[in-house]
Amino acid sequence: MSVERLLTVQDISNLLGMKRSYVYYLTHLKRIPHLKIHGHLRFRMSDIDNWLQLQEVQIDSKKEGRQERY
């Protein structure tokens, strides 16, 4: 059995381009998958990949090709 390398808050912050404080906030809200090991937050890359796929916003096919005015 191979053990997946666990990522730190700093790793996730760098990977996603978020402030560390926002990563902590997301874990507090339980909005990002994480582990707590002896009080330290850790993340599995596979969990983060799956979570990112769930965050994808699908385009509205009815609006595709039409420019929005703002």
PDB file of N, CA and C in Angstrom:
ATOM      1  N   MET A   1       0.850  -1.179   0.000  1.00  0.00           N
ATOM      2  CA  MET A   1       0.000   0.000   0.000  1.00  0.00           C
ATOM      3  C   MET A   1       0.894   1.239   0.000  1.00  0.00           C
ATOM      4  N   SER A   2       0.620   2.174  -0.926  1.00  0.00           N
ATOM      5  CA  SER A   2       1.402   3.408  -0.943  1.00  0.00           C
ATOM      6  C   SER A   2       0.637   4.493  -0.190  1.00  0.00           C
ATOM      7  N   VAL A   3       1.372   5.306   0.503  1.00  0.00           N
ATOM      8  CA  VAL A   3       0.780   6.380   1.294  1.00  0.00           C
ATOM      9  C   VAL A   3       0.898   7.672   0.493  1.00  0.00           C
ATOM     10  N   GLU A   4      -0.223   8.356   0.344  1.00  0.00           N
ATOM     11  CA  GLU A   4      -0.250   9.617  -0.386  1.00  0.00           C
ATOM     12  C   GLU A   4       0.369  10.720   0.471  1.00  0.00           C
ATOM     13  N   ARG A   5       1.212  11.534  -0.140  1.00  0.00           N
ATOM     14  CA  ARG A   5       1.827  12.662   0.568  1.00  0.00           C
ATOM     15  C   ARG A   5       0.741  13.646   0.982  1.00  0.00           C
ATOM     16  N   LEU A   6       0.807  14.106   2.201  1.00  0.00           N
ATOM     17  CA  LEU A   6      -0.158  15.071   2.698  1.00  0.00           C
ATOM     18  C   LEU A   6       0.378  16.483   2.516  1.00  0.00           C
ATOM     19  N   LEU A   7      -0.515  17.384   2.169  1.00  0.00           N
ATOM     20  CA  LEU A   7      -0.160  18.776   1.941  1.00  0.00           C
ATOM     21  C   LEU A   7      -0.497  19.615   3.175  1.00  0.00           C
ATOM     22  N   THR A   8       0.235  20.692   3.348  1.00  0.00           N
ATOM     23  CA  THR A   8       0.015  21.611   4.466  1.00  0.00           C
ATOM     24  C   THR A   8      -0.885  22.765   4.015  1.00  0.00           C
ATOM     25  N   VAL A   9      -1.278  23.587   4.966  1.00  0.00           N
ATOM     26  CA  VAL A   9      -2.056  24.789   4.654  1.00  0.00           C
ATOM     27  C   VAL A   9      -1.265  25.677   3.690  1.00  0.00           C
ATOM     28  N   GLN A  10       0.036  25.804   3.937  1.00  0.00           N
ATOM     29  CA  GLN A  10       0.882  26.618   3.051  1.00  0.00           C
ATOM     30  C   GLN A  10       0.915  26.038   1.638  1.00  0.00           C
ATOM     31  N   ASP A  11       0.994  24.716   1.527  1.00  0.00           N
ATOM     32  CA  ASP A  11       0.973  24.066   0.206  1.00  0.00           C
ATOM     33  C   ASP A  11      -0.319  24.392  -0.535  1.00  0.00           C
ATOM     34  N   ILE A  12      -1.457  24.282   0.161  1.00  0.00           N
ATOM     35  CA  ILE A  12      -2.762  24.555  -0.459  1.00  0.00           C
ATOM     36  C   ILE A  12      -2.868  26.028  -0.818  1.00  0.00           C
ATOM     37  N   SER A  13      -2.387  26.887   0.048  1.00  0.00           N
ATOM     38  CA  SER A  13      -2.393  28.321  -0.215  1.00  0.00           C
ATOM     39  C   SER A  13      -1.634  28.636  -1.503  1.00  0.00           C
ATOM     40  N   ASN A  14      -0.452  28.067  -1.646  1.00  0.00           N
ATOM     41  CA  ASN A  14       0.357  28.278  -2.846  1.00  0.00           C
ATOM     42  C   ASN A  14      -0.299  27.667  -4.082  1.00  0.00           C
ATOM     43  N   LEU A  15      -0.821  26.468  -3.933  1.00  0.00           N
ATOM     44  CA  LEU A  15      -1.430  25.747  -5.046  1.00  0.00           C
ATOM     45  C   LEU A  15      -2.645  26.479  -5.608  1.00  0.00           C
ATOM     46  N   LEU A  16      -3.487  26.988  -4.717  1.00  0.00           N
ATOM     47  CA  LEU A  16      -4.745  27.607  -5.135  1.00  0.00           C
ATOM     48  C   LEU A  16      -4.668  29.131  -5.230  1.00  0.00           C
ATOM     49  N   GLY A  17      -3.550  29.700  -4.821  1.00  0.00           N
ATOM     50  CA  GLY A  17      -3.401  31.152  -4.880  1.00  0.00           C
ATOM     51  C   GLY A  17      -4.315  31.870  -3.906  1.00  0.00           C
ATOM     52  N   MET A  18      -4.492  31.263  -2.735  1.00  0.00           N
ATOM     53  CA  MET A  18      -5.337  31.842  -1.685  1.00  0.00           C
ATOM     54  C   MET A  18      -4.463  32.216  -0.494  1.00  0.00           C
ATOM     55  N   LYS A  19      -4.932  33.156   0.286  1.00  0.00           N
ATOM     56  CA  LYS A  19      -4.239  33.464   1.538  1.00  0.00           C
ATOM     57  C   LYS A  19      -4.398  32.279   2.491  1.00  0.00           C
ATOM     58  N   ARG A  20      -3.395  32.084   3.326  1.00  0.00           N
ATOM     59  CA  ARG A  20      -3.476  31.003   4.312  1.00  0.00           C
ATOM     60  C   ARG A  20      -4.696  31.170   5.206  1.00  0.00           C
ATOM     61  N   SER A  21      -4.991  32.405   5.579  1.00  0.00           N
ATOM     62  CA  SER A  21      -6.134  32.657   6.461  1.00  0.00           C
ATOM     63  C   SER A  21      -7.440  32.200   5.802  1.00  0.00           C
ATOM     64  N   TYR A  22      -7.533  32.319   4.475  1.00  0.00           N
ATOM     65  CA  TYR A  22      -8.757  31.888   3.787  1.00  0.00           C
ATOM     66  C   TYR A  22      -8.844  30.359   3.749  1.00  0.00           C
ATOM     67  N   VAL A  23      -7.710  29.697   3.621  1.00  0.00           N
ATOM     68  CA  VAL A  23      -7.702  28.227   3.677  1.00  0.00           C
ATOM     69  C   VAL A  23      -8.176  27.778   5.059  1.00  0.00           C
ATOM     70  N   TYR A  24      -7.673  28.427   6.111  1.00  0.00           N
ATOM     71  CA  TYR A  24      -8.135  28.109   7.466  1.00  0.00           C
ATOM     72  C   TYR A  24      -9.635  28.358   7.596  1.00  0.00           C
ATOM     73  N   TYR A  25     -10.111  29.451   7.031  1.00  0.00           N
ATOM     74  CA  TYR A  25     -11.539  29.788   7.072  1.00  0.00           C
ATOM     75  C   TYR A  25     -12.372  28.695   6.393  1.00  0.00           C
ATOM     76  N   LEU A  26     -11.921  28.234   5.212  1.00  0.00           N
ATOM     77  CA  LEU A  26     -12.647  27.170   4.503  1.00  0.00           C
ATOM     78  C   LEU A  26     -12.688  25.880   5.316  1.00  0.00           C
ATOM     79  N   THR A  27     -11.601  25.568   6.019  1.00  0.00           N
ATOM     80  CA  THR A  27     -11.615  24.356   6.844  1.00  0.00           C
ATOM     81  C   THR A  27     -12.549  24.534   8.036  1.00  0.00           C
ATOM     82  N   HIS A  28     -12.563  25.726   8.610  1.00  0.00           N
ATOM     83  CA  HIS A  28     -13.462  26.007   9.736  1.00  0.00           C
ATOM     84  C   HIS A  28     -14.924  25.799   9.337  1.00  0.00           C
ATOM     85  N   LEU A  29     -15.257  26.220   8.116  1.00  0.00           N
ATOM     86  CA  LEU A  29     -16.622  26.059   7.602  1.00  0.00           C
ATOM     87  C   LEU A  29     -16.889  24.662   7.048  1.00  0.00           C
ATOM     88  N   LYS A  30     -15.837  23.833   7.034  1.00  0.00           N
ATOM     89  CA  LYS A  30     -15.921  22.480   6.461  1.00  0.00           C
ATOM     90  C   LYS A  30     -16.311  22.536   4.984  1.00  0.00           C
ATOM     91  N   ARG A  31     -15.730  23.496   4.239  1.00  0.00           N
ATOM     92  CA  ARG A  31     -16.027  23.679   2.827  1.00  0.00           C
ATOM     93  C   ARG A  31     -14.936  23.098   1.940  1.00  0.00           C
ATOM     94  N   ILE A  32     -13.818  22.671   2.543  1.00  0.00           N
ATOM     95  CA  ILE A  32     -12.720  22.068   1.800  1.00  0.00           C
ATOM     96  C   ILE A  32     -12.311  20.797   2.555  1.00  0.00           C
ATOM     97  N   PRO A  33     -12.101  19.697   1.834  1.00  0.00           N
ATOM     98  CA  PRO A  33     -11.752  18.448   2.527  1.00  0.00           C
ATOM     99  C   PRO A  33     -10.377  18.538   3.191  1.00  0.00           C
ATOM    100  N   HIS A  34     -10.316  18.091   4.420  1.00  0.00           N
ATOM    101  CA  HIS A  34      -9.066  18.162   5.167  1.00  0.00           C
ATOM    102  C   HIS A  34      -9.023  17.096   6.249  1.00  0.00           C
ATOM    103  N   LEU A  35      -7.848  16.898   6.767  1.00  0.00           N
ATOM    104  CA  LEU A  35      -7.614  15.995   7.893  1.00  0.00           C
ATOM    105  C   LEU A  35      -7.053  16.822   9.038  1.00  0.00           C
ATOM    106  N   LYS A  36      -7.303  16.388  10.228  1.00  0.00           N
ATOM    107  CA  LYS A  36      -6.699  17.017  11.396  1.00  0.00           C
ATOM    108  C   LYS A  36      -5.905  15.920  12.105  1.00  0.00           C
ATOM    109  N   ILE A  37      -4.592  16.071  12.106  1.00  0.00           N
ATOM    110  CA  ILE A  37      -3.719  15.074  12.716  1.00  0.00           C
ATOM    111  C   ILE A  37      -2.955  15.744  13.851  1.00  0.00           C
ATOM    112  N   HIS A  38      -3.273  15.335  15.069  1.00  0.00           N
ATOM    113  CA  HIS A  38      -2.650  15.924  16.261  1.00  0.00           C
ATOM    114  C   HIS A  38      -2.723  17.450  16.226  1.00  0.00           C
ATOM    115  N   GLY A  39      -3.877  17.966  15.805  1.00  0.00           N
ATOM    116  CA  GLY A  39      -4.099  19.405  15.792  1.00  0.00           C
ATOM    117  C   GLY A  39      -3.558  20.136  14.569  1.00  0.00           C
ATOM    118  N   HIS A  40      -2.945  19.398  13.642  1.00  0.00           N
ATOM    119  CA  HIS A  40      -2.388  20.010  12.436  1.00  0.00           C
ATOM    120  C   HIS A  40      -3.273  19.688  11.240  1.00  0.00           C
ATOM    121  N   LEU A  41      -3.568  20.698  10.431  1.00  0.00           N
ATOM    122  CA  LEU A  41      -4.377  20.494   9.235  1.00  0.00           C
ATOM    123  C   LEU A  41      -3.519  19.926   8.113  1.00  0.00           C
ATOM    124  N   ARG A  42      -4.059  18.912   7.442  1.00  0.00           N
ATOM    125  CA  ARG A  42      -3.393  18.311   6.304  1.00  0.00           C
ATOM    126  C   ARG A  42      -4.439  18.027   5.224  1.00  0.00           C
ATOM    127  N   PHE A  43      -3.978  17.931   4.000  1.00  0.00           N
ATOM    128  CA  PHE A  43      -4.861  17.754   2.856  1.00  0.00           C
ATOM    129  C   PHE A  43      -4.297  16.674   1.938  1.00  0.00           C
ATOM    130  N   ARG A  44      -5.174  15.821   1.418  1.00  0.00           N
ATOM    131  CA  ARG A  44      -4.774  14.856   0.398  1.00  0.00           C
ATOM    132  C   ARG A  44      -4.955  15.508  -0.966  1.00  0.00           C
ATOM    133  N   MET A  45      -3.962  15.387  -1.825  1.00  0.00           N
ATOM    134  CA  MET A  45      -4.062  15.979  -3.162  1.00  0.00           C
ATOM    135  C   MET A  45      -5.245  15.405  -3.925  1.00  0.00           C
ATOM    136  N   SER A  46      -5.501  14.122  -3.772  1.00  0.00           N
ATOM    137  CA  SER A  46      -6.631  13.500  -4.475  1.00  0.00           C
ATOM    138  C   SER A  46      -7.959  14.107  -4.018  1.00  0.00           C
ATOM    139  N   ASP A  47      -8.081  14.410  -2.716  1.00  0.00           N
ATOM    140  CA  ASP A  47      -9.306  15.049  -2.205  1.00  0.00           C
ATOM    141  C   ASP A  47      -9.448  16.464  -2.763  1.00  0.00           C
ATOM    142  N   ILE A  48      -8.330  17.179  -2.849  1.00  0.00           N
ATOM    143  CA  ILE A  48      -8.366  18.543  -3.377  1.00  0.00           C
ATOM    144  C   ILE A  48      -8.718  18.527  -4.860  1.00  0.00           C
ATOM    145  N   ASP A  49      -8.160  17.584  -5.621  1.00  0.00           N
ATOM    146  CA  ASP A  49      -8.509  17.457  -7.047  1.00  0.00           C
ATOM    147  C   ASP A  49     -10.005  17.221  -7.229  1.00  0.00           C
ATOM    148  N   ASN A  50     -10.555  16.313  -6.436  1.00  0.00           N
ATOM    149  CA  ASN A  50     -12.003  16.026  -6.520  1.00  0.00           C
ATOM    150  C   ASN A  50     -12.822  17.244  -6.119  1.00  0.00           C
ATOM    151  N   TRP A  51     -12.416  17.922  -5.063  1.00  0.00           N
ATOM    152  CA  TRP A  51     -13.113  19.112  -4.591  1.00  0.00           C
ATOM    153  C   TRP A  51     -13.099  20.204  -5.661  1.00  0.00           C
ATOM    154  N   LEU A  52     -11.953  20.387  -6.308  1.00  0.00           N
ATOM    155  CA  LEU A  52     -11.850  21.397  -7.368  1.00  0.00           C
ATOM    156  C   LEU A  52     -12.798  21.089  -8.525  1.00  0.00           C
ATOM    157  N   GLN A  53     -12.928  19.821  -8.874  1.00  0.00           N
ATOM    158  CA  GLN A  53     -13.852  19.443  -9.947  1.00  0.00           C
ATOM    159  C   GLN A  53     -15.286  19.803  -9.573  1.00  0.00           C
ATOM    160  N   LEU A  54     -15.621  19.672  -8.306  1.00  0.00           N
ATOM    161  CA  LEU A  54     -16.973  20.010  -7.851  1.00  0.00           C
ATOM    162  C   LEU A  54     -17.218  21.520  -7.839  1.00  0.00           C
ATOM    163  N   GLN A  55     -16.142  22.315  -7.820  1.00  0.00           N
ATOM    164  CA  GLN A  55     -16.271  23.776  -7.797  1.00  0.00           C
ATOM    165  C   GLN A  55     -16.478  24.366  -9.183  1.00  0.00           C
ATOM    166  N   GLU A  56     -16.319  23.541 -10.207  1.00  0.00           N
ATOM    167  CA  GLU A  56     -16.420  24.043 -11.572  1.00  0.00           C
ATOM    168  C   GLU A  56     -17.824  24.578 -11.851  1.00  0.00           C
ATOM    169  N   VAL A  57     -17.870  25.744 -12.446  1.00  0.00           N
ATOM    170  CA  VAL A  57     -19.137  26.365 -12.819  1.00  0.00           C
ATOM    171  C   VAL A  57     -19.395  26.045 -14.279  1.00  0.00           C
ATOM    172  N   GLN A  58     -20.527  25.445 -14.544  1.00  0.00           N
ATOM    173  CA  GLN A  58     -20.896  25.102 -15.912  1.00  0.00           C
ATOM    174  C   GLN A  58     -21.479  26.321 -16.610  1.00  0.00           C
ATOM    175  N   ILE A  59     -21.166  26.456 -17.898  1.00  0.00           N
ATOM    176  CA  ILE A  59     -21.715  27.580 -18.646  1.00  0.00           C
ATOM    177  C   ILE A  59     -23.163  27.295 -18.998  1.00  0.00           C
ATOM    178  N   ASP A  60     -23.925  28.341 -19.137  1.00  0.00           N
ATOM    179  CA  ASP A  60     -25.320  28.236 -19.516  1.00  0.00           C
ATOM    180  C   ASP A  60     -25.366  28.184 -21.041  1.00  0.00           C
ATOM    181  N   SER A  61     -25.763  27.041 -21.595  1.00  0.00           N
ATOM    182  CA  SER A  61     -25.738  26.853 -23.047  1.00  0.00           C
ATOM    183  C   SER A  61     -26.670  27.823 -23.771  1.00  0.00           C
ATOM    184  N   LYS A  62     -27.674  28.339 -23.082  1.00  0.00           N
ATOM    185  CA  LYS A  62     -28.592  29.303 -23.692  1.00  0.00           C
ATOM    186  C   LYS A  62     -27.900  30.639 -23.931  1.00  0.00           C
ATOM    187  N   LYS A  63     -26.934  30.954 -23.075  1.00  0.00           N
ATOM    188  CA  LYS A  63     -26.243  32.235 -23.181  1.00  0.00           C
ATOM    189  C   LYS A  63     -24.956  32.130 -23.986  1.00  0.00           C
ATOM    190  N   GLU A  64     -24.557  30.903 -24.321  1.00  0.00           N
ATOM    191  CA  GLU A  64     -23.312  30.705 -25.053  1.00  0.00           C
ATOM    192  C   GLU A  64     -23.390  31.411 -26.405  1.00  0.00           C
ATOM    193  N   GLY A  65     -22.348  32.130 -26.735  1.00  0.00           N
ATOM    194  CA  GLY A  65     -22.310  32.834 -28.010  1.00  0.00           C
ATOM    195  C   GLY A  65     -22.944  34.211 -27.953  1.00  0.00           C
ATOM    196  N   ARG A  66     -23.596  34.540 -26.879  1.00  0.00           N
ATOM    197  CA  ARG A  66     -24.228  35.845 -26.722  1.00  0.00           C
ATOM    198  C   ARG A  66     -23.411  36.656 -25.728  1.00  0.00           C
ATOM    199  N   GLN A  67     -23.082  37.856 -26.081  1.00  0.00           N
ATOM    200  CA  GLN A  67     -22.299  38.684 -25.173  1.00  0.00           C
ATOM    201  C   GLN A  67     -23.208  39.358 -24.167  1.00  0.00           C
ATOM    202  N   GLU A  68     -22.742  39.380 -22.944  1.00  0.00           N
ATOM    203  CA  GLU A  68     -23.477  40.030 -21.871  1.00  0.00           C
ATOM    204  C   GLU A  68     -23.094  41.504 -21.829  1.00  0.00           C
ATOM    205  N   ARG A  69     -24.022  42.345 -21.512  1.00  0.00           N
ATOM    206  CA  ARG A  69     -23.745  43.767 -21.310  1.00  0.00           C
ATOM    207  C   ARG A  69     -23.740  44.039 -19.819  1.00  0.00           C
ATOM    208  N   TYR A  70     -22.732  44.765 -19.393  1.00  0.00           N
ATOM    209  CA  TYR A  70     -22.626  45.102 -17.972  1.00  0.00           C
ATOM    210  C   TYR A  70     -22.690  46.576 -17.772  1.00  0.00           C
TER     211      TYR A  70
END
